[in-house]
């Protein structure tokens, strides 16, 4: 392609060997295009960095699409509060979509998006395929990812938290209290935040000169039931942990229930640390020591960013990580 030649739908159609209406259907997420043709057009849109021309009639609609993999948790409600607050300040409203899968937005979602005008998209804890990225870019829709499930692609705006430091500080706190057998219940294994928290846990143990015992690391799903079941598994070991670090407050609540069922006192017999600092953490019994993840701030920043991008502003950085903070309450105590 000549460097002086402007990228248009006609040019994409010519290179793909299809009609202009076919390219338009791909850009707008319409279903009536053969998969091979769609893939070829999407690849060319991405390669050439095509963006839909904005006409003078394309005034802001005052909408931000907030897209979740799942929403049945207090964690998601904190994200909603943050996004809604930032949108409200900007005179916009939030439309919530729930995918019911961690595979990321698909064709159906894109069709629904195409049916309404929106100013930007915030995708939460989900994957984002190159095809969907290309179509969002082709429609000149700014988008950002909050707490990305995997490593974001180059150029994708993402907002997360300092998960490695959070895992380090939680484990270091327990070590400073004298605990040496520290169990850990991680989140979903393929999520970036889970691996970062595991790495922080490992770093704290290694810095203290302690081995990382494989039997003390259990995989969970961030939910209460998972924390409950994995805590029972840890506490059934011949040499059980004296403390457990759970990768979410919800799993930590499950750990507290498992401890009660086994007649263990928290924190006298077992110390427990969570992650998130949900509103329920301070009212749990005992009040939960946890790593505060600034969920509302993360969502608000992503929302403000996509709205600013819609007005032509360019973000200073592609990847932002907001600071975590250890909040010490009554669920942890010195090892006797």
Protein backbone atom coordinates (compact mmCIF):
# COMPACT_ATOMS: atom_id res chain seq x y z
CA UNK A 1 0.00 0.00 0.00
CA UNK A 2 1.32 3.47 -0.84
CA UNK A 3 2.27 5.47 2.24
CA UNK A 4 0.30 8.44 0.88
CA UNK A 5 -2.88 6.47 0.35
CA UNK A 6 -5.50 7.07 3.03
CA UNK A 7 -6.91 3.97 4.67
CA UNK A 8 -10.57 3.72 3.70
CA UNK A 9 -13.24 1.03 3.65
CA UNK A 10 -12.80 0.92 -0.13
CA UNK A 11 -9.09 0.22 0.23
CA UNK A 12 -9.70 -2.55 2.79
CA UNK A 13 -12.36 -4.06 0.51
CA UNK A 14 -9.96 -3.96 -2.45
CA UNK A 15 -7.15 -5.72 -0.56
CA UNK A 16 -9.52 -8.29 0.97
CA UNK A 17 -11.18 -9.00 -2.36
CA UNK A 18 -14.66 -8.28 -1.03
CA UNK A 19 -17.33 -5.63 -1.43
CA UNK A 20 -17.48 -2.38 0.52
CA UNK A 21 -20.76 -3.44 2.22
CA UNK A 22 -19.00 -6.62 3.44
CA UNK A 23 -16.25 -4.57 5.11
CA UNK A 24 -18.91 -2.33 6.63
CA UNK A 25 -20.70 -5.38 8.05
CA UNK A 26 -17.47 -6.60 9.67
CA UNK A 27 -16.77 -3.18 11.19
CA UNK A 28 -20.30 -3.03 12.60
CA UNK A 29 -20.22 -6.58 13.97
CA UNK A 30 -22.94 -7.90 11.70
CA UNK A 31 -23.22 -11.71 11.67
CA UNK A 32 -23.87 -12.39 7.98
CA UNK A 33 -20.20 -12.67 6.93
CA UNK A 34 -18.36 -15.96 6.41
CA UNK A 35 -15.77 -16.63 9.17
CA UNK A 36 -12.82 -16.79 6.74
CA UNK A 37 -13.84 -13.51 5.11
CA UNK A 38 -14.38 -11.87 8.50
CA UNK A 39 -10.93 -12.96 9.67
CA UNK A 40 -9.29 -11.63 6.50
CA UNK A 41 -11.01 -8.25 6.81
CA UNK A 42 -10.28 -7.96 10.55
CA UNK A 43 -6.61 -8.73 9.91
CA UNK A 44 -6.38 -5.96 7.31
CA UNK A 45 -8.24 -3.49 9.54
CA UNK A 46 -5.74 -4.18 12.30
CA UNK A 47 -2.68 -4.13 10.03
CA UNK A 48 -3.62 -0.78 8.51
CA UNK A 49 -4.90 0.74 11.75
CA UNK A 50 -8.19 1.68 10.13
CA UNK A 51 -10.39 4.05 12.10
CA UNK A 52 -13.87 5.14 11.15
CA UNK A 53 -14.05 8.80 10.15
CA UNK A 54 -15.88 10.92 12.70
CA UNK A 55 -18.46 13.23 11.18
CA UNK A 56 -19.70 16.46 12.65
CA UNK A 57 -22.94 14.68 13.52
CA UNK A 58 -21.12 12.18 15.76
CA UNK A 59 -21.80 14.00 19.02
CA UNK A 60 -21.14 12.15 22.31
CA UNK A 61 -24.00 9.89 23.33
CA UNK A 62 -23.23 10.11 27.04
CA UNK A 63 -22.85 6.33 27.43
CA UNK A 64 -20.02 4.11 28.69
CA UNK A 65 -20.29 0.35 28.24
CA UNK A 66 -19.05 -1.58 31.30
CA UNK A 67 -18.45 -5.22 30.40
CA UNK A 68 -18.08 -8.02 32.98
CA UNK A 69 -17.27 -11.69 32.64
CA UNK A 70 -19.39 -12.30 35.77
CA UNK A 71 -21.13 -9.92 38.15
CA UNK A 72 -22.46 -12.04 41.04
CA UNK A 73 -20.12 -10.69 43.70
CA UNK A 74 -19.53 -7.65 45.94
CA UNK A 75 -16.22 -7.22 44.06
CA UNK A 76 -18.11 -6.41 40.86
CA UNK A 77 -20.36 -3.97 42.71
CA UNK A 78 -17.31 -1.95 43.77
CA UNK A 79 -16.27 -1.73 40.12
CA UNK A 80 -19.77 -0.58 39.16
CA UNK A 81 -19.74 2.11 41.87
CA UNK A 82 -16.41 3.45 40.67
CA UNK A 83 -17.38 3.52 37.00
CA UNK A 84 -20.81 5.01 37.66
CA UNK A 85 -19.36 7.74 39.87
CA UNK A 86 -16.82 8.80 37.25
CA UNK A 87 -19.41 8.67 34.46
CA UNK A 88 -21.88 10.71 36.52
CA UNK A 89 -19.26 13.41 37.11
CA UNK A 90 -18.78 13.61 33.33
CA UNK A 91 -22.52 13.76 32.64
CA UNK A 92 -22.60 10.24 31.22
CA UNK A 93 -24.40 7.00 32.08
CA UNK A 94 -23.19 3.40 32.35
CA UNK A 95 -24.57 0.43 30.42
CA UNK A 96 -23.65 -2.92 32.01
CA UNK A 97 -23.11 -6.10 30.00
CA UNK A 98 -22.47 -9.52 31.54
CA UNK A 99 -20.80 -12.08 29.28
CA UNK A 100 -21.13 -15.14 31.60
CA UNK A 101 -17.72 -16.27 30.34
CA UNK A 102 -14.08 -15.28 30.79
CA UNK A 103 -13.43 -15.80 27.07
CA UNK A 104 -14.05 -12.11 26.43
CA UNK A 105 -16.57 -10.16 24.35
CA UNK A 106 -17.81 -11.93 21.23
CA UNK A 107 -19.88 -11.27 18.13
CA UNK A 108 -23.23 -11.09 19.96
CA UNK A 109 -21.94 -8.40 22.28
CA UNK A 110 -20.47 -6.44 19.38
CA UNK A 111 -23.83 -6.55 17.59
CA UNK A 112 -25.57 -5.14 20.66
CA UNK A 113 -22.90 -2.48 20.94
CA UNK A 114 -23.39 -1.54 17.29
CA UNK A 115 -27.13 -1.10 17.90
CA UNK A 116 -26.53 1.83 20.24
CA UNK A 117 -24.14 4.75 20.20
CA UNK A 118 -21.59 4.65 22.99
CA UNK A 119 -18.63 6.86 23.89
CA UNK A 120 -16.30 4.14 25.18
CA UNK A 121 -15.94 0.65 26.56
CA UNK A 122 -14.48 -0.57 29.88
CA UNK A 123 -13.88 -4.33 29.96
CA UNK A 124 -13.45 -5.93 33.40
CA UNK A 125 -11.39 -9.04 34.25
CA UNK A 126 -11.82 -10.63 30.86
CA UNK A 127 -9.89 -11.47 27.73
CA UNK A 128 -9.95 -9.23 24.67
CA UNK A 129 -9.36 -10.91 21.31
CA UNK A 130 -7.41 -9.19 18.56
CA UNK A 131 -10.53 -9.36 16.39
CA UNK A 132 -12.64 -7.44 18.90
CA UNK A 133 -9.78 -4.96 19.43
CA UNK A 134 -9.63 -4.37 15.67
CA UNK A 135 -13.37 -3.81 15.43
CA UNK A 136 -13.46 -1.41 18.38
CA UNK A 137 -10.57 0.53 16.84
CA UNK A 138 -12.21 0.47 13.41
CA UNK A 139 -15.32 2.03 14.93
CA UNK A 140 -13.14 4.67 16.67
CA UNK A 141 -14.39 3.45 20.05
CA UNK A 142 -11.91 4.06 22.88
CA UNK A 143 -11.61 1.13 25.27
CA UNK A 144 -9.72 0.13 28.39
CA UNK A 145 -9.37 -3.07 30.42
CA UNK A 146 -9.66 -3.19 34.23
CA UNK A 147 -7.78 -5.98 36.02
CA UNK A 148 -6.93 -7.76 32.75
CA UNK A 149 -7.15 -11.55 32.82
CA UNK A 150 -4.00 -12.00 30.75
CA UNK A 151 -1.14 -9.81 29.61
CA UNK A 152 -2.72 -6.93 27.66
CA UNK A 153 -1.75 -6.65 24.00
CA UNK A 154 0.61 -3.80 23.05
CA UNK A 155 -1.30 -0.56 22.81
CA UNK A 156 -4.24 -1.65 24.97
CA UNK A 157 -5.01 0.70 27.86
CA UNK A 158 -5.25 -1.24 31.13
CA UNK A 159 -5.75 -0.37 34.80
CA UNK A 160 -4.79 -2.79 37.55
CA UNK A 161 -3.28 -2.90 41.02
CA UNK A 162 0.13 -3.73 42.46
CA UNK A 163 -0.75 -7.38 42.98
CA UNK A 164 2.85 -8.56 43.45
CA UNK A 165 3.39 -6.06 46.23
CA UNK A 166 0.04 -7.04 47.75
CA UNK A 167 1.03 -10.71 47.89
CA UNK A 168 4.41 -9.75 49.33
CA UNK A 169 2.98 -7.50 52.06
CA UNK A 170 0.32 -10.04 53.10
CA UNK A 171 2.87 -12.83 53.46
CA UNK A 172 5.49 -10.61 55.09
CA UNK A 173 2.91 -9.53 57.68
CA UNK A 174 2.32 -13.15 58.65
CA UNK A 175 6.06 -13.85 58.75
CA UNK A 176 6.60 -10.87 61.06
CA UNK A 177 3.98 -12.38 63.38
CA UNK A 178 6.12 -15.51 63.62
CA UNK A 179 4.21 -17.80 61.24
CA UNK A 180 6.31 -20.21 59.21
CA UNK A 181 3.68 -22.58 57.79
CA UNK A 182 1.66 -20.14 55.66
CA UNK A 183 -0.99 -21.59 53.37
CA UNK A 184 -2.14 -19.76 50.29
CA UNK A 185 -5.36 -20.08 48.29
CA UNK A 186 -4.83 -18.47 44.91
CA UNK A 187 -7.40 -17.15 42.47
CA UNK A 188 -8.05 -18.43 38.96
CA UNK A 189 -4.79 -19.86 37.65
CA UNK A 190 -4.89 -18.15 34.26
CA UNK A 191 -5.42 -14.65 35.64
CA UNK A 192 -2.54 -12.20 35.69
CA UNK A 193 -3.41 -10.93 39.17
CA UNK A 194 -3.35 -14.45 40.64
CA UNK A 195 0.14 -15.19 39.33
CA UNK A 196 1.44 -11.83 40.56
CA UNK A 197 0.10 -12.49 44.08
CA UNK A 198 1.65 -15.97 44.06
CA UNK A 199 4.98 -14.47 43.02
CA UNK A 200 4.76 -11.95 45.86
CA UNK A 201 4.03 -14.76 48.34
CA UNK A 202 7.02 -16.74 47.04
CA UNK A 203 9.30 -13.71 47.18
CA UNK A 204 8.41 -13.04 50.84
CA UNK A 205 9.14 -16.65 51.83
CA UNK A 206 12.38 -16.80 49.87
CA UNK A 207 13.58 -13.50 51.33
CA UNK A 208 12.92 -14.95 54.81
CA UNK A 209 14.98 -18.01 53.88
CA UNK A 210 11.99 -20.35 53.96
CA UNK A 211 11.16 -23.02 51.36
CA UNK A 212 8.01 -22.73 49.27
CA UNK A 213 6.06 -25.85 50.22
CA UNK A 214 3.92 -27.02 47.25
CA UNK A 215 1.33 -28.64 49.53
CA UNK A 216 0.57 -25.23 51.08
CA UNK A 217 -0.48 -23.69 47.74
CA UNK A 218 -4.05 -24.40 46.66
CA UNK A 219 -5.96 -23.16 43.60
CA UNK A 220 -9.33 -21.47 44.01
CA UNK A 221 -11.90 -19.43 42.11
CA UNK A 222 -12.11 -16.21 44.21
CA UNK A 223 -15.50 -17.35 45.63
CA UNK A 224 -16.58 -18.21 49.20
CA UNK A 225 -17.16 -21.91 48.49
CA UNK A 226 -13.68 -22.23 47.01
CA UNK A 227 -12.05 -20.68 50.07
CA UNK A 228 -14.07 -22.96 52.33
CA UNK A 229 -13.16 -26.16 50.48
CA UNK A 230 -9.49 -25.34 49.98
CA UNK A 231 -9.13 -24.27 53.63
CA UNK A 232 -10.44 -27.68 54.71
CA UNK A 233 -7.87 -29.31 52.42
CA UNK A 234 -5.04 -27.24 53.92
CA UNK A 235 -6.15 -27.81 57.50
CA UNK A 236 -6.37 -31.57 56.89
CA UNK A 237 -2.62 -31.80 56.18
CA UNK A 238 -0.48 -33.74 58.67
CA UNK A 239 1.39 -30.49 59.28
CA UNK A 240 -1.31 -27.84 58.66
CA UNK A 241 -0.61 -24.13 58.24
CA UNK A 242 -0.91 -21.73 61.15
CA UNK A 243 -1.95 -18.95 58.79
CA UNK A 244 -3.72 -18.73 55.42
CA UNK A 245 -3.47 -15.97 52.82
CA UNK A 246 -6.50 -16.01 50.49
CA UNK A 247 -6.47 -14.14 47.18
CA UNK A 248 -9.88 -12.56 47.78
CA UNK A 249 -11.95 -11.48 50.75
CA UNK A 250 -14.70 -13.84 49.62
CA UNK A 251 -12.34 -16.82 49.83
CA UNK A 252 -11.11 -15.53 53.19
CA UNK A 253 -14.72 -15.58 54.45
CA UNK A 254 -14.83 -19.23 53.38
CA UNK A 255 -11.63 -19.86 55.33
CA UNK A 256 -13.20 -18.32 58.45
CA UNK A 257 -16.20 -20.63 58.13
CA UNK A 258 -13.98 -23.70 57.63
CA UNK A 259 -12.02 -22.77 60.74
CA UNK A 260 -15.23 -22.47 62.79
CA UNK A 261 -16.40 -25.86 61.53
CA UNK A 262 -13.15 -27.42 62.72
CA UNK A 263 -13.32 -25.77 66.13
CA UNK A 264 -10.38 -23.46 65.41
CA UNK A 265 -10.29 -19.95 66.78
CA UNK A 266 -9.29 -17.03 64.57
CA UNK A 267 -6.75 -15.57 65.19
CA UNK A 268 -5.67 -17.61 68.26
CA UNK A 269 -5.36 -20.91 66.34
CA UNK A 270 -5.28 -19.66 62.75
CA UNK A 271 -4.48 -16.28 61.23
CA UNK A 272 -6.31 -15.29 58.04
CA UNK A 273 -5.54 -12.59 55.46
CA UNK A 274 -7.75 -11.69 52.49
CA UNK A 275 -7.38 -9.46 49.45
CA UNK A 276 -9.64 -6.61 48.17
CA UNK A 277 -10.90 -4.90 51.36
CA UNK A 278 -14.55 -5.19 50.41
CA UNK A 279 -17.01 -3.28 52.64
CA UNK A 280 -17.89 -6.60 54.33
CA UNK A 281 -14.30 -7.17 55.45
CA UNK A 282 -14.47 -4.75 58.37
CA UNK A 283 -17.77 -6.24 59.61
CA UNK A 284 -16.71 -9.90 59.42
CA UNK A 285 -16.06 -11.71 62.69
CA UNK A 286 -13.33 -11.27 63.47
CA UNK A 287 -12.76 -8.18 61.31
CA UNK A 288 -10.59 -9.29 58.41
CA UNK A 289 -6.96 -8.33 57.86
CA UNK A 290 -6.72 -7.82 54.12
CA UNK A 291 -4.87 -6.17 51.26
CA UNK A 292 -6.83 -3.18 50.03
CA UNK A 293 -7.22 -3.15 46.26
CA UNK A 294 -8.56 0.25 45.11
CA UNK A 295 -11.38 -1.21 43.02
CA UNK A 296 -13.52 1.91 42.79
CA UNK A 297 -10.50 4.03 41.89
CA UNK A 298 -9.43 1.53 39.22
CA UNK A 299 -12.85 1.58 37.56
CA UNK A 300 -13.14 5.34 37.84
CA UNK A 301 -9.73 5.89 36.23
CA UNK A 302 -10.56 3.55 33.33
CA UNK A 303 -13.90 5.29 32.79
CA UNK A 304 -12.39 8.78 32.86
CA UNK A 305 -9.68 7.60 30.46
CA UNK A 306 -12.04 6.28 27.78
CA UNK A 307 -14.20 9.40 28.03
CA UNK A 308 -11.10 11.60 27.66
CA UNK A 309 -9.93 9.51 24.69
CA UNK A 310 -13.31 10.12 23.10
CA UNK A 311 -12.52 13.84 23.23
CA UNK A 312 -9.20 13.31 21.48
CA UNK A 313 -6.91 13.10 24.52
CA UNK A 314 -4.03 10.63 24.43
CA UNK A 315 -3.23 8.74 27.69
CA UNK A 316 0.27 9.36 29.03
CA UNK A 317 0.77 5.65 29.72
CA UNK A 318 -0.83 2.44 28.50
CA UNK A 319 -0.52 0.45 31.73
CA UNK A 320 -1.45 1.87 35.14
CA UNK A 321 -1.14 -0.01 38.43
CA UNK A 322 -2.67 1.63 41.50
CA UNK A 323 -1.12 0.94 44.89
CA UNK A 324 -2.38 -1.78 47.22
CA UNK A 325 -2.23 -1.41 51.01
CA UNK A 326 -2.22 -3.92 53.86
CA UNK A 327 -5.09 -3.24 56.27
CA UNK A 328 -4.42 -4.95 59.60
CA UNK A 329 -7.49 -5.93 61.63
CA UNK A 330 -8.28 -8.70 64.12
CA UNK A 331 -8.02 -11.89 62.04
CA UNK A 332 -4.22 -12.09 62.41
CA UNK A 333 -2.13 -12.52 65.55
CA UNK A 334 1.36 -13.59 66.65
CA UNK A 335 2.09 -17.31 66.39
CA UNK A 336 2.09 -18.75 69.87
